[in-house]
C-alpha cells in the first residue's frame, strides 16, 4: 500500500511549526529580558538593604555608646550633688559653730564691761 503525502499540508504544517517556534523564542527573549530587569532591580534593592543594615548597626552601636556616656554623666551628677549636699551641711555646721563662738565671745566681753572684770579671750 502506497502512502500519499499531501505536500501542501506538510509545507503548511512546517511553516506553522517554524512560526510557532519563532513566536516561542520571542516570548522567551521577552521573558528573559523581564527576568534580567527584575534581577537587576532586586540586586539594587538588596545592596540598599545591606547598606541600610550597616547604617542601622552603626547607629545602634553609637546609641549604646551614648546611653553609657549619659548614664556615666548622670552618675557623676548624682555624686556631685551628694558631695555638694555634704559640703553645704559642713558649711552650715561651721557657720553655726562660728556664730555660737561669736555670741559666747560677745557675751563674755559684755559681761566683762558690765562687771569691770578683765576680759580674757579664749584660745579657741
PDB file of N, CA and C in Angstrom:
ATOM      1  N   UNK A   1       0.813  -1.127   0.000  1.00  0.00           N
ATOM      2  CA  UNK A   1       0.000   0.000   0.000  1.00  0.00           C
ATOM      3  C   UNK A   1       0.892   1.236   0.000  1.00  0.00           C
ATOM      4  N   UNK A   2       0.621   2.073  -0.852  1.00  0.00           N
ATOM      5  CA  UNK A   2       1.431   3.282  -1.023  1.00  0.00           C
ATOM      6  C   UNK A   2       0.780   4.428  -0.277  1.00  0.00           C
ATOM      7  N   UNK A   3       1.648   5.222   0.358  1.00  0.00           N
ATOM      8  CA  UNK A   3       1.172   6.371   1.103  1.00  0.00           C
ATOM      9  C   UNK A   3       1.239   7.603   0.246  1.00  0.00           C
ATOM     10  N   UNK A   4       0.225   8.392   0.355  1.00  0.00           N
ATOM     11  CA  UNK A   4       0.183   9.616  -0.423  1.00  0.00           C
ATOM     12  C   UNK A   4       0.356  10.780   0.554  1.00  0.00           C
ATOM     13  N   UNK A   5       1.345  11.546   0.254  1.00  0.00           N
ATOM     14  CA  UNK A   5       1.630  12.714   1.097  1.00  0.00           C
ATOM     15  C   UNK A   5       0.981  13.933   0.504  1.00  0.00           C
ATOM     16  N   UNK A   6       0.396  14.682   1.361  1.00  0.00           N
ATOM     17  CA  UNK A   6      -0.174  15.945   0.922  1.00  0.00           C
ATOM     18  C   UNK A   6       0.910  16.993   1.121  1.00  0.00           C
ATOM     19  N   UNK A   7       1.564  17.358   0.031  1.00  0.00           N
ATOM     20  CA  UNK A   7       2.714  18.247   0.063  1.00  0.00           C
ATOM     21  C   UNK A   7       2.321  19.623   0.586  1.00  0.00           C
ATOM     22  N   UNK A   8       1.214  20.135   0.172  1.00  0.00           N
ATOM     23  CA  UNK A   8       0.786  21.457   0.622  1.00  0.00           C
ATOM     24  C   UNK A   8       0.527  21.474   2.108  1.00  0.00           C
ATOM     25  N   UNK A   9      -0.052  20.454   2.589  1.00  0.00           N
ATOM     26  CA  UNK A   9      -0.376  20.366   4.005  1.00  0.00           C
ATOM     27  C   UNK A   9       0.889  20.226   4.846  1.00  0.00           C
ATOM     28  N   UNK A  10       1.831  19.446   4.364  1.00  0.00           N
ATOM     29  CA  UNK A  10       3.095  19.250   5.076  1.00  0.00           C
ATOM     30  C   UNK A  10       3.874  20.557   5.116  1.00  0.00           C
ATOM     31  N   UNK A  11       3.899  21.245   4.027  1.00  0.00           N
ATOM     32  CA  UNK A  11       4.600  22.531   3.944  1.00  0.00           C
ATOM     33  C   UNK A  11       3.928  23.556   4.860  1.00  0.00           C
ATOM     34  N   UNK A  12       2.627  23.557   4.874  1.00  0.00           N
ATOM     35  CA  UNK A  12       1.903  24.483   5.749  1.00  0.00           C
ATOM     36  C   UNK A  12       2.179  24.159   7.224  1.00  0.00           C
ATOM     37  N   UNK A  13       2.193  22.895   7.543  1.00  0.00           N
ATOM     38  CA  UNK A  13       2.447  22.463   8.918  1.00  0.00           C
ATOM     39  C   UNK A  13       3.853  22.857   9.337  1.00  0.00           C
ATOM     40  N   UNK A  14       4.824  22.679   8.419  1.00  0.00           N
ATOM     41  CA  UNK A  14       6.210  23.048   8.714  1.00  0.00           C
ATOM     42  C   UNK A  14       6.310  24.557   8.926  1.00  0.00           C
ATOM     43  N   UNK A  15       5.668  25.324   8.071  1.00  0.00           N
ATOM     44  CA  UNK A  15       5.694  26.786   8.215  1.00  0.00           C
ATOM     45  C   UNK A  15       5.035  27.211   9.531  1.00  0.00           C
ATOM     46  N   UNK A  16       3.935  26.568   9.855  1.00  0.00           N
ATOM     47  CA  UNK A  16       3.255  26.893  11.109  1.00  0.00           C
ATOM     48  C   UNK A  16       4.151  26.528  12.296  1.00  0.00           C
ATOM     49  N   UNK A  17       4.826  25.384  12.177  1.00  0.00           N
ATOM     50  CA  UNK A  17       5.732  24.942  13.241  1.00  0.00           C
ATOM     51  C   UNK A  17       6.874  25.958  13.420  1.00  0.00           C
ATOM     52  N   UNK A  18       7.482  26.414  12.331  1.00  0.00           N
ATOM     53  CA  UNK A  18       8.563  27.410  12.394  1.00  0.00           C
ATOM     54  C   UNK A  18       8.044  28.739  12.971  1.00  0.00           C
ATOM     55  N   UNK A  19       6.832  29.080  12.585  1.00  0.00           N
ATOM     56  CA  UNK A  19       6.234  30.314  13.098  1.00  0.00           C
ATOM     57  C   UNK A  19       6.009  30.224  14.607  1.00  0.00           C
ATOM     58  N   UNK A  20       5.511  29.073  15.049  1.00  0.00           N
ATOM     59  CA  UNK A  20       5.286  28.872  16.479  1.00  0.00           C
ATOM     60  C   UNK A  20       6.612  28.871  17.258  1.00  0.00           C
ATOM     61  N   UNK A  21       7.631  28.261  16.688  1.00  0.00           N
ATOM     62  CA  UNK A  21       8.965  28.246  17.320  1.00  0.00           C
ATOM     63  C   UNK A  21       9.492  29.678  17.424  1.00  0.00           C
ATOM     64  N   UNK A  22       9.349  30.432  16.337  1.00  0.00           N
ATOM     65  CA  UNK A  22       9.819  31.829  16.340  1.00  0.00           C
ATOM     66  C   UNK A  22       9.046  32.636  17.389  1.00  0.00           C
ATOM     67  N   UNK A  23       7.735  32.389  17.482  1.00  0.00           N
ATOM     68  CA  UNK A  23       6.918  33.090  18.477  1.00  0.00           C
ATOM     69  C   UNK A  23       7.360  32.710  19.895  1.00  0.00           C
ATOM     70  N   UNK A  24       7.578  31.414  20.129  1.00  0.00           N
ATOM     71  CA  UNK A  24       8.011  30.963  21.455  1.00  0.00           C
ATOM     72  C   UNK A  24       9.394  31.518  21.800  1.00  0.00           C
ATOM     73  N   UNK A  25      10.293  31.555  20.802  1.00  0.00           N
ATOM     74  CA  UNK A  25      11.622  32.123  21.044  1.00  0.00           C
ATOM     75  C   UNK A  25      11.521  33.608  21.388  1.00  0.00           C
ATOM     76  N   UNK A  26      10.635  34.340  20.717  1.00  0.00           N
ATOM     77  CA  UNK A  26      10.430  35.762  21.007  1.00  0.00           C
ATOM     78  C   UNK A  26       9.882  35.928  22.419  1.00  0.00           C
ATOM     79  N   UNK A  27       8.952  35.063  22.808  1.00  0.00           N
ATOM     80  CA  UNK A  27       8.399  35.117  24.164  1.00  0.00           C
ATOM     81  C   UNK A  27       9.485  34.818  25.206  1.00  0.00           C
ATOM     82  N   UNK A  28      10.334  33.847  24.896  1.00  0.00           N
ATOM     83  CA  UNK A  28      11.424  33.514  25.819  1.00  0.00           C
ATOM     84  C   UNK A  28      12.398  34.684  25.958  1.00  0.00           C
ATOM     85  N   UNK A  29      12.721  35.348  24.851  1.00  0.00           N
ATOM     86  CA  UNK A  29      13.608  36.508  24.907  1.00  0.00           C
ATOM     87  C   UNK A  29      12.966  37.628  25.740  1.00  0.00           C
ATOM     88  N   UNK A  30      11.669  37.847  25.533  1.00  0.00           N
ATOM     89  CA  UNK A  30      10.967  38.882  26.292  1.00  0.00           C
ATOM     90  C   UNK A  30      10.948  38.528  27.778  1.00  0.00           C
ATOM     91  N   UNK A  31      10.662  37.257  28.079  1.00  0.00           N
ATOM     92  CA  UNK A  31      10.657  36.821  29.478  1.00  0.00           C
ATOM     93  C   UNK A  31      12.046  36.927  30.088  1.00  0.00           C
ATOM     94  N   UNK A  32      13.066  36.579  29.305  1.00  0.00           N
ATOM     95  CA  UNK A  32      14.442  36.683  29.786  1.00  0.00           C
ATOM     96  C   UNK A  32      14.773  38.151  30.096  1.00  0.00           C
ATOM     97  N   UNK A  33      14.346  39.052  29.211  1.00  0.00           N
ATOM     98  CA  UNK A  33      14.588  40.472  29.411  1.00  0.00           C
ATOM     99  C   UNK A  33      13.895  40.954  30.686  1.00  0.00           C
ATOM    100  N   UNK A  34      12.656  40.553  30.871  1.00  0.00           N
ATOM    101  CA  UNK A  34      11.904  40.909  32.085  1.00  0.00           C
ATOM    102  C   UNK A  34      12.610  40.338  33.316  1.00  0.00           C
ATOM    103  N   UNK A  35      13.033  39.078  33.224  1.00  0.00           N
ATOM    104  CA  UNK A  35      13.717  38.419  34.333  1.00  0.00           C
ATOM    105  C   UNK A  35      15.020  39.143  34.673  1.00  0.00           C
ATOM    106  N   UNK A  36      15.793  39.509  33.667  1.00  0.00           N
ATOM    107  CA  UNK A  36      17.048  40.233  33.903  1.00  0.00           C
ATOM    108  C   UNK A  36      16.776  41.594  34.550  1.00  0.00           C
ATOM    109  N   UNK A  37      15.729  42.271  34.109  1.00  0.00           N
ATOM    110  CA  UNK A  37      15.368  43.563  34.713  1.00  0.00           C
ATOM    111  C   UNK A  37      14.983  43.367  36.179  1.00  0.00           C
ATOM    112  N   UNK A  38      14.218  42.319  36.477  1.00  0.00           N
ATOM    113  CA  UNK A  38      13.824  42.029  37.854  1.00  0.00           C
ATOM    114  C   UNK A  38      15.045  41.676  38.712  1.00  0.00           C
ATOM    115  N   UNK A  39      15.952  40.877  38.151  1.00  0.00           N
ATOM    116  CA  UNK A  39      17.173  40.511  38.879  1.00  0.00           C
ATOM    117  C   UNK A  39      17.979  41.766  39.195  1.00  0.00           C
ATOM    118  N   UNK A  40      18.100  42.656  38.222  1.00  0.00           N
ATOM    119  CA  UNK A  40      18.834  43.900  38.428  1.00  0.00           C
ATOM    120  C   UNK A  40      18.165  44.745  39.512  1.00  0.00           C
ATOM    121  N   UNK A  41      16.853  44.848  39.421  1.00  0.00           N
ATOM    122  CA  UNK A  41      16.088  45.637  40.399  1.00  0.00           C
ATOM    123  C   UNK A  41      16.268  45.056  41.799  1.00  0.00           C
ATOM    124  N   UNK A  42      16.115  43.745  41.935  1.00  0.00           N
ATOM    125  CA  UNK A  42      16.238  43.115  43.237  1.00  0.00           C
ATOM    126  C   UNK A  42      17.668  43.164  43.762  1.00  0.00           C
ATOM    127  N   UNK A  43      18.643  43.095  42.883  1.00  0.00           N
ATOM    128  CA  UNK A  43      20.047  43.217  43.295  1.00  0.00           C
ATOM    129  C   UNK A  43      20.315  44.608  43.866  1.00  0.00           C
ATOM    130  N   UNK A  44      19.781  45.632  43.200  1.00  0.00           N
ATOM    131  CA  UNK A  44      19.940  47.004  43.701  1.00  0.00           C
ATOM    132  C   UNK A  44      19.243  47.170  45.048  1.00  0.00           C
ATOM    133  N   UNK A  45      18.051  46.604  45.165  1.00  0.00           N
ATOM    134  CA  UNK A  45      17.331  46.682  46.435  1.00  0.00           C
ATOM    135  C   UNK A  45      18.109  45.972  47.540  1.00  0.00           C
ATOM    136  N   UNK A  46      18.694  44.828  47.205  1.00  0.00           N
ATOM    137  CA  UNK A  46      19.478  44.081  48.183  1.00  0.00           C
ATOM    138  C   UNK A  46      20.686  44.903  48.632  1.00  0.00           C
ATOM    139  N   UNK A  47      21.357  45.542  47.699  1.00  0.00           N
ATOM    140  CA  UNK A  47      22.502  46.397  48.045  1.00  0.00           C
ATOM    141  C   UNK A  47      22.061  47.514  48.992  1.00  0.00           C
ATOM    142  N   UNK A  48      20.934  48.155  48.679  1.00  0.00           N
ATOM    143  CA  UNK A  48      20.435  49.234  49.542  1.00  0.00           C
ATOM    144  C   UNK A  48      20.070  48.697  50.927  1.00  0.00           C
ATOM    145  N   UNK A  49      19.475  47.514  50.970  1.00  0.00           N
ATOM    146  CA  UNK A  49      19.114  46.919  52.257  1.00  0.00           C
ATOM    147  C   UNK A  49      20.362  46.582  53.078  1.00  0.00           C
ATOM    148  N   UNK A  50      21.376  46.070  52.423  1.00  0.00           N
ATOM    149  CA  UNK A  50      22.624  45.755  53.123  1.00  0.00           C
ATOM    150  C   UNK A  50      23.245  47.041  53.662  1.00  0.00           C
ATOM    151  N   UNK A  51      23.273  48.091  52.820  1.00  0.00           N
ATOM    152  CA  UNK A  51      23.807  49.379  53.271  1.00  0.00           C
ATOM    153  C   UNK A  51      22.986  49.920  54.439  1.00  0.00           C
ATOM    154  N   UNK A  52      21.673  49.804  54.354  1.00  0.00           N
ATOM    155  CA  UNK A  52      20.796  50.263  55.444  1.00  0.00           C
ATOM    156  C   UNK A  52      21.065  49.466  56.715  1.00  0.00           C
ATOM    157  N   UNK A  53      21.256  48.178  56.564  1.00  0.00           N
ATOM    158  CA  UNK A  53      21.537  47.324  57.709  1.00  0.00           C
ATOM    159  C   UNK A  53      22.837  47.754  58.389  1.00  0.00           C
ATOM    160  N   UNK A  54      23.852  48.061  57.597  1.00  0.00           N
ATOM    161  CA  UNK A  54      25.130  48.520  58.147  1.00  0.00           C
ATOM    162  C   UNK A  54      24.934  49.834  58.894  1.00  0.00           C
ATOM    163  N   UNK A  55      24.166  50.743  58.307  1.00  0.00           N
ATOM    164  CA  UNK A  55      23.908  52.039  58.953  1.00  0.00           C
ATOM    165  C   UNK A  55      23.148  51.827  60.260  1.00  0.00           C
ATOM    166  N   UNK A  56      22.148  50.964  60.244  1.00  0.00           N
ATOM    167  CA  UNK A  56      21.363  50.698  61.455  1.00  0.00           C
ATOM    168  C   UNK A  56      22.262  50.108  62.546  1.00  0.00           C
ATOM    169  N   UNK A  57      23.131  49.176  62.175  1.00  0.00           N
ATOM    170  CA  UNK A  57      24.030  48.574  63.161  1.00  0.00           C
ATOM    171  C   UNK A  57      24.989  49.618  63.725  1.00  0.00           C
ATOM    172  N   UNK A  58      25.511  50.500  62.862  1.00  0.00           N
ATOM    173  CA  UNK A  58      26.426  51.550  63.314  1.00  0.00           C
ATOM    174  C   UNK A  58      25.689  52.507  64.256  1.00  0.00           C
ATOM    175  N   UNK A  59      24.470  52.900  63.882  1.00  0.00           N
ATOM    176  CA  UNK A  59      23.685  53.810  64.718  1.00  0.00           C
ATOM    177  C   UNK A  59      23.322  53.165  66.057  1.00  0.00           C
ATOM    178  N   UNK A  60      23.031  51.877  66.028  1.00  0.00           N
ATOM    179  CA  UNK A  60      22.721  51.159  67.267  1.00  0.00           C
ATOM    180  C   UNK A  60      23.933  51.159  68.190  1.00  0.00           C
ATOM    181  N   UNK A  61      25.120  50.902  67.625  1.00  0.00           N
ATOM    182  CA  UNK A  61      26.346  50.913  68.433  1.00  0.00           C
ATOM    183  C   UNK A  61      26.607  52.313  68.988  1.00  0.00           C
ATOM    184  N   UNK A  62      26.437  53.327  68.155  1.00  0.00           N
ATOM    185  CA  UNK A  62      26.618  54.710  68.620  1.00  0.00           C
ATOM    186  C   UNK A  62      25.616  55.039  69.719  1.00  0.00           C
ATOM    187  N   UNK A  63      24.382  54.590  69.543  1.00  0.00           N
ATOM    188  CA  UNK A  63      23.338  54.830  70.534  1.00  0.00           C
ATOM    189  C   UNK A  63      23.705  54.190  71.872  1.00  0.00           C
ATOM    190  N   UNK A  64      24.204  52.960  71.824  1.00  0.00           N
ATOM    191  CA  UNK A  64      24.608  52.281  73.058  1.00  0.00           C
ATOM    192  C   UNK A  64      25.746  53.033  73.733  1.00  0.00           C
ATOM    193  N   UNK A  65      26.697  53.522  72.934  1.00  0.00           N
ATOM    194  CA  UNK A  65      27.810  54.298  73.485  1.00  0.00           C
ATOM    195  C   UNK A  65      27.294  55.579  74.138  1.00  0.00           C
ATOM    196  N   UNK A  66      26.372  56.252  73.466  1.00  0.00           N
ATOM    197  CA  UNK A  66      25.804  57.490  74.014  1.00  0.00           C
ATOM    198  C   UNK A  66      25.005  57.221  75.289  1.00  0.00           C
ATOM    199  N   UNK A  67      24.276  56.134  75.309  1.00  0.00           N
ATOM    200  CA  UNK A  67      23.497  55.782  76.503  1.00  0.00           C
ATOM    201  C   UNK A  67      24.444  55.552  77.684  1.00  0.00           C
ATOM    202  N   UNK A  68      25.546  54.823  77.444  1.00  0.00           N
ATOM    203  CA  UNK A  68      26.508  54.595  78.520  1.00  0.00           C
ATOM    204  C   UNK A  68      27.140  55.903  78.978  1.00  0.00           C
ATOM    205  N   UNK A  69      27.438  56.799  78.031  1.00  0.00           N
ATOM    206  CA  UNK A  69      28.009  58.099  78.392  1.00  0.00           C
ATOM    207  C   UNK A  69      27.026  58.909  79.219  1.00  0.00           C
ATOM    208  N   UNK A  70      25.760  58.890  78.836  1.00  0.00           N
ATOM    209  CA  UNK A  70      24.722  59.615  79.583  1.00  0.00           C
ATOM    210  C   UNK A  70      24.595  59.044  80.991  1.00  0.00           C
ATOM    211  N   UNK A  71      24.605  57.714  81.093  1.00  0.00           N
ATOM    212  CA  UNK A  71      24.495  57.085  82.411  1.00  0.00           C
ATOM    213  C   UNK A  71      25.687  57.458  83.286  1.00  0.00           C
ATOM    214  N   UNK A  72      26.883  57.498  82.688  1.00  0.00           N
ATOM    215  CA  UNK A  72      28.079  57.891  83.437  1.00  0.00           C
ATOM    216  C   UNK A  72      27.956  59.338  83.904  1.00  0.00           C
ATOM    217  N   UNK A  73      27.482  60.213  83.008  1.00  0.00           N
ATOM    218  CA  UNK A  73      27.297  61.620  83.383  1.00  0.00           C
ATOM    219  C   UNK A  73      26.251  61.770  84.483  1.00  0.00           C
ATOM    220  N   UNK A  74      25.149  61.058  84.361  1.00  0.00           N
ATOM    221  CA  UNK A  74      24.108  61.134  85.385  1.00  0.00           C
ATOM    222  C   UNK A  74      24.640  60.665  86.734  1.00  0.00           C
ATOM    223  N   UNK A  75      25.429  59.595  86.717  1.00  0.00           N
ATOM    224  CA  UNK A  75      26.015  59.085  87.959  1.00  0.00           C
ATOM    225  C   UNK A  75      26.972  60.130  88.552  1.00  0.00           C
ATOM    226  N   UNK A  76      27.772  60.749  87.688  1.00  0.00           N
ATOM    227  CA  UNK A  76      28.678  61.796  88.148  1.00  0.00           C
ATOM    228  C   UNK A  76      27.924  62.978  88.729  1.00  0.00           C
ATOM    229  N   UNK A  77      26.824  63.359  88.096  1.00  0.00           N
ATOM    230  CA  UNK A  77      25.998  64.464  88.593  1.00  0.00           C
ATOM    231  C   UNK A  77      25.423  64.115  89.965  1.00  0.00           C
ATOM    232  N   UNK A  78      24.927  62.883  90.118  1.00  0.00           N
ATOM    233  CA  UNK A  78      24.380  62.456  91.420  1.00  0.00           C
ATOM    234  C   UNK A  78      25.462  62.507  92.497  1.00  0.00           C
ATOM    235  N   UNK A  79      26.661  62.014  92.156  1.00  0.00           N
ATOM    236  CA  UNK A  79      27.752  62.034  93.118  1.00  0.00           C
ATOM    237  C   UNK A  79      28.135  63.474  93.475  1.00  0.00           C
ATOM    238  N   UNK A  80      28.174  64.344  92.461  1.00  0.00           N
ATOM    239  CA  UNK A  80      28.491  65.758  92.704  1.00  0.00           C
ATOM    240  C   UNK A  80      27.425  66.405  93.589  1.00  0.00           C
ATOM    241  N   UNK A  81      26.166  66.089  93.340  1.00  0.00           N
ATOM    242  CA  UNK A  81      25.084  66.652  94.148  1.00  0.00           C
ATOM    243  C   UNK A  81      25.180  66.175  95.593  1.00  0.00           C
ATOM    244  N   UNK A  82      25.504  64.881  95.769  1.00  0.00           N
ATOM    245  CA  UNK A  82      25.652  64.354  97.123  1.00  0.00           C
ATOM    246  C   UNK A  82      26.822  65.033  97.837  1.00  0.00           C
ATOM    247  N   UNK A  83      27.939  65.195  97.116  1.00  0.00           N
ATOM    248  CA  UNK A  83      29.101  65.863  97.700  1.00  0.00           C
ATOM    249  C   UNK A  83      28.775  67.321  98.022  1.00  0.00           C
ATOM    250  N   UNK A  84      28.033  67.959  97.134  1.00  0.00           N
ATOM    251  CA  UNK A  84      27.631  69.354  97.368  1.00  0.00           C
ATOM    252  C   UNK A  84      26.754  69.455  98.612  1.00  0.00           C
ATOM    253  N   UNK A  85      25.835  68.504  98.772  1.00  0.00           N
ATOM    254  CA  UNK A  85      24.989  68.498  99.967  1.00  0.00           C
ATOM    255  C   UNK A  85      25.832  68.325 101.229  1.00  0.00           C
ATOM    256  N   UNK A  86      26.808  67.413 101.177  1.00  0.00           N
ATOM    257  CA  UNK A  86      27.679  67.193 102.332  1.00  0.00           C
ATOM    258  C   UNK A  86      28.476  68.457 102.653  1.00  0.00           C
ATOM    259  N   UNK A  87      29.003  69.087 101.600  1.00  0.00           N
ATOM    260  CA  UNK A  87      29.765  70.315 101.811  1.00  0.00           C
ATOM    261  C   UNK A  87      28.877  71.424 102.366  1.00  0.00           C
ATOM    262  N   UNK A  88      27.644  71.494 101.875  1.00  0.00           N
ATOM    263  CA  UNK A  88      26.698  72.501 102.373  1.00  0.00           C
ATOM    264  C   UNK A  88      26.380  72.249 103.841  1.00  0.00           C
ATOM    265  N   UNK A  89      26.231  70.984 104.211  1.00  0.00           N
ATOM    266  CA  UNK A  89      25.980  70.642 105.617  1.00  0.00           C
ATOM    267  C   UNK A  89      27.186  71.024 106.473  1.00  0.00           C
ATOM    268  N   UNK A  90      28.397  70.729 105.972  1.00  0.00           N
ATOM    269  CA  UNK A  90      29.612  71.096 106.709  1.00  0.00           C
ATOM    270  C   UNK A  90      29.716  72.617 106.848  1.00  0.00           C
ATOM    271  N   UNK A  91      29.433  73.345 105.767  1.00  0.00           N
ATOM    272  CA  UNK A  91      29.490  74.804 105.802  1.00  0.00           C
ATOM    273  C   UNK A  91      28.483  75.345 106.811  1.00  0.00           C
ATOM    274  N   UNK A  92      27.259  74.808 106.769  1.00  0.00           N
ATOM    275  CA  UNK A  92      26.219  75.257 107.697  1.00  0.00           C
ATOM    276  C   UNK A  92      26.640  74.966 109.135  1.00  0.00           C
ATOM    277  N   UNK A  93      27.219  73.803 109.366  1.00  0.00           N
ATOM    278  CA  UNK A  93      27.667  73.433 110.708  1.00  0.00           C
ATOM    279  C   UNK A  93      28.784  74.363 111.169  1.00  0.00           C
ATOM    280  N   UNK A  94      29.749  74.632 110.278  1.00  0.00           N
ATOM    281  CA  UNK A  94      30.860  75.530 110.607  1.00  0.00           C
ATOM    282  C   UNK A  94      30.335  76.938 110.883  1.00  0.00           C
ATOM    283  N   UNK A  95      29.405  77.391 110.075  1.00  0.00           N
ATOM    284  CA  UNK A  95      28.817  78.723 110.263  1.00  0.00           C
ATOM    285  C   UNK A  95      28.112  78.801 111.606  1.00  0.00           C
ATOM    286  N   UNK A  96      27.364  77.765 111.943  1.00  0.00           N
ATOM    287  CA  UNK A  96      26.662  77.741 113.229  1.00  0.00           C
ATOM    288  C   UNK A  96      27.651  77.754 114.394  1.00  0.00           C
ATOM    289  N   UNK A  97      28.757  76.990 114.247  1.00  0.00           N
ATOM    290  CA  UNK A  97      29.767  76.982 115.296  1.00  0.00           C
ATOM    291  C   UNK A  97      30.396  78.365 115.459  1.00  0.00           C
ATOM    292  N   UNK A  98      30.712  79.014 114.353  1.00  0.00           N
ATOM    293  CA  UNK A  98      31.302  80.354 114.405  1.00  0.00           C
ATOM    294  C   UNK A  98      30.338  81.347 115.060  1.00  0.00           C
ATOM    295  N   UNK A  99      29.073  81.262 114.676  1.00  0.00           N
ATOM    296  CA  UNK A  99      28.076  82.151 115.274  1.00  0.00           C
ATOM    297  C   UNK A  99      27.989  81.924 116.783  1.00  0.00           C
ATOM    298  N   UNK A 100      27.984  80.656 117.171  1.00  0.00           N
ATOM    299  CA  UNK A 100      27.889  80.334 118.601  1.00  0.00           C
ATOM    300  C   UNK A 100      29.114  80.863 119.340  1.00  0.00           C
ATOM    301  N   UNK A 101      30.298  80.656 118.781  1.00  0.00           N
ATOM    302  CA  UNK A 101      31.531  81.147 119.412  1.00  0.00           C
ATOM    303  C   UNK A 101      31.521  82.675 119.475  1.00  0.00           C
ATOM    304  N   UNK A 102      31.047  83.315 118.396  1.00  0.00           N
ATOM    305  CA  UNK A 102      30.982  84.781 118.370  1.00  0.00           C
ATOM    306  C   UNK A 102      30.041  85.285 119.438  1.00  0.00           C
ATOM    307  N   UNK A 103      28.885  84.646 119.602  1.00  0.00           N
ATOM    308  CA  UNK A 103      27.928  85.044 120.638  1.00  0.00           C
ATOM    309  C   UNK A 103      28.547  84.886 122.029  1.00  0.00           C
ATOM    310  N   UNK A 104      29.230  83.730 122.226  1.00  0.00           N
ATOM    311  CA  UNK A 104      29.869  83.492 123.531  1.00  0.00           C
ATOM    312  C   UNK A 104      30.908  84.569 123.824  1.00  0.00           C
ATOM    313  N   UNK A 105      31.695  84.882 122.799  1.00  0.00           N
ATOM    314  CA  UNK A 105      32.741  85.890 122.961  1.00  0.00           C
ATOM    315  C   UNK A 105      32.111  87.258 123.247  1.00  0.00           C
ATOM    316  N   UNK A 106      31.064  87.597 122.491  1.00  0.00           N
ATOM    317  CA  UNK A 106      30.373  88.864 122.692  1.00  0.00           C
ATOM    318  C   UNK A 106      29.784  88.949 124.091  1.00  0.00           C
ATOM    319  N   UNK A 107      29.176  87.864 124.518  1.00  0.00           N
ATOM    320  CA  UNK A 107      28.593  87.831 125.859  1.00  0.00           C
ATOM    321  C   UNK A 107      29.680  87.990 126.924  1.00  0.00           C
ATOM    322  N   UNK A 108      30.814  87.358 126.688  1.00  0.00           N
ATOM    323  CA  UNK A 108      31.920  87.466 127.664  1.00  0.00           C
ATOM    324  C   UNK A 108      32.448  88.894 127.722  1.00  0.00           C
ATOM    325  N   UNK A 109      32.556  89.543 126.555  1.00  0.00           N
ATOM    326  CA  UNK A 109      33.021  90.932 126.513  1.00  0.00           C
ATOM    327  C   UNK A 109      32.013  91.835 127.204  1.00  0.00           C
ATOM    328  N   UNK A 110      30.722  91.637 126.920  1.00  0.00           N
ATOM    329  CA  UNK A 110      29.685  92.452 127.554  1.00  0.00           C
ATOM    330  C   UNK A 110      29.708  92.259 129.073  1.00  0.00           C
ATOM    331  N   UNK A 111      29.858  91.022 129.502  1.00  0.00           N
ATOM    332  CA  UNK A 111      29.913  90.718 130.937  1.00  0.00           C
ATOM    333  C   UNK A 111      31.113  91.404 131.579  1.00  0.00           C
ATOM    334  N   UNK A 112      32.239  91.348 130.870  1.00  0.00           N
ATOM    335  CA  UNK A 112      33.457  91.983 131.414  1.00  0.00           C
ATOM    336  C   UNK A 112      33.267  93.486 131.507  1.00  0.00           C
ATOM    337  N   UNK A 113      32.625  94.075 130.513  1.00  0.00           N
ATOM    338  CA  UNK A 113      32.386  95.523 130.521  1.00  0.00           C
ATOM    339  C   UNK A 113      31.409  95.911 131.621  1.00  0.00           C
ATOM    340  N   UNK A 114      30.373  95.106 131.829  1.00  0.00           N
ATOM    341  CA  UNK A 114      29.375  95.423 132.836  1.00  0.00           C
ATOM    342  C   UNK A 114      29.922  95.250 134.250  1.00  0.00           C
ATOM    343  N   UNK A 115      30.712  94.266 134.428  1.00  0.00           N
ATOM    344  CA  UNK A 115      31.205  93.966 135.781  1.00  0.00           C
ATOM    345  C   UNK A 115      32.546  94.620 136.062  1.00  0.00           C
ATOM    346  N   UNK A 116      33.223  95.077 135.056  1.00  0.00           N
ATOM    347  CA  UNK A 116      34.523  95.702 135.237  1.00  0.00           C
ATOM    348  C   UNK A 116      35.630  94.697 135.451  1.00  0.00           C
ATOM    349  N   UNK A 117      35.366  93.453 135.179  1.00  0.00           N
ATOM    350  CA  UNK A 117      36.408  92.432 135.313  1.00  0.00           C
ATOM    351  C   UNK A 117      37.205  92.350 134.020  1.00  0.00           C
ATOM    352  N   UNK A 118      38.462  91.977 134.118  1.00  0.00           N
ATOM    353  CA  UNK A 118      39.265  91.883 132.907  1.00  0.00           C
ATOM    354  C   UNK A 118      38.752  90.767 131.986  1.00  0.00           C
ATOM    355  N   UNK A 119      38.873  91.014 130.712  1.00  0.00           N
ATOM    356  CA  UNK A 119      38.395  90.037 129.690  1.00  0.00           C
ATOM    357  C   UNK A 119      39.581  89.251 129.169  1.00  0.00           C
ATOM    358  N   UNK A 120      39.433  87.973 129.173  1.00  0.00           N
ATOM    359  CA  UNK A 120      40.466  87.109 128.595  1.00  0.00           C
ATOM    360  C   UNK A 120      39.825  86.351 127.446  1.00  0.00           C
ATOM    361  N   UNK A 121      40.389  86.544 126.255  1.00  0.00           N
ATOM    362  CA  UNK A 121      39.847  85.862 125.074  1.00  0.00           C
ATOM    363  C   UNK A 121      40.219  84.398 125.111  1.00  0.00           C
ATOM    364  N   UNK A 122      39.277  83.575 124.732  1.00  0.00           N
ATOM    365  CA  UNK A 122      39.545  82.135 124.691  1.00  0.00           C
ATOM    366  C   UNK A 122      40.487  81.823 123.551  1.00  0.00           C
ATOM    367  N   UNK A 123      41.288  80.825 123.720  1.00  0.00           N
ATOM    368  CA  UNK A 123      42.266  80.450 122.708  1.00  0.00           C
ATOM    369  C   UNK A 123      41.609  79.813 121.498  1.00  0.00           C
ATOM    370  N   UNK A 124      40.415  79.281 121.635  1.00  0.00           N
ATOM    371  CA  UNK A 124      39.781  78.579 120.522  1.00  0.00           C
ATOM    372  C   UNK A 124      39.016  79.590 119.732  1.00  0.00           C
TER     373      UNK A 124
END
